[in-house]
Amino acid sequence: MDEWRFHVTRPAGIRLRQEDEGRYLLYHPGTDELHVIGPVEKEIYDLCDGRSIDDVVVAAIALLPRPAGRADEAVAREVLAFLSALHQRTLIVYE
């Protein structure tokens, strides 16, 4: 895995609320947008507390259930794609 030296944090003001069926709502007051994430994505979002991107990916790999034969690299790519989507929506900040 490439080394990602950026650290990820959640910007101030983002609100998180649990909804029915284990889903979570993220509200970004700066954009006035709601985003729905599942329980696995919420666990990854919780890891964005100032850790490096590498540390988030490693922790997420350890947390996430996966079917037999699914490589850590595939999970890492999915986690990185999720982090990128959060960043594009300004739900996390790279520092």
Foldseek 3Di string as FASTA:
>chain_A
DDFFAWAKAFDPPWDWDADPPQKIWTADVVVRDIDIDHNLLVVLNVVRHGGTLVVSLVVSLVVDDDDPPDDSVVSSVVSVVSVVVCVVVSRMDID
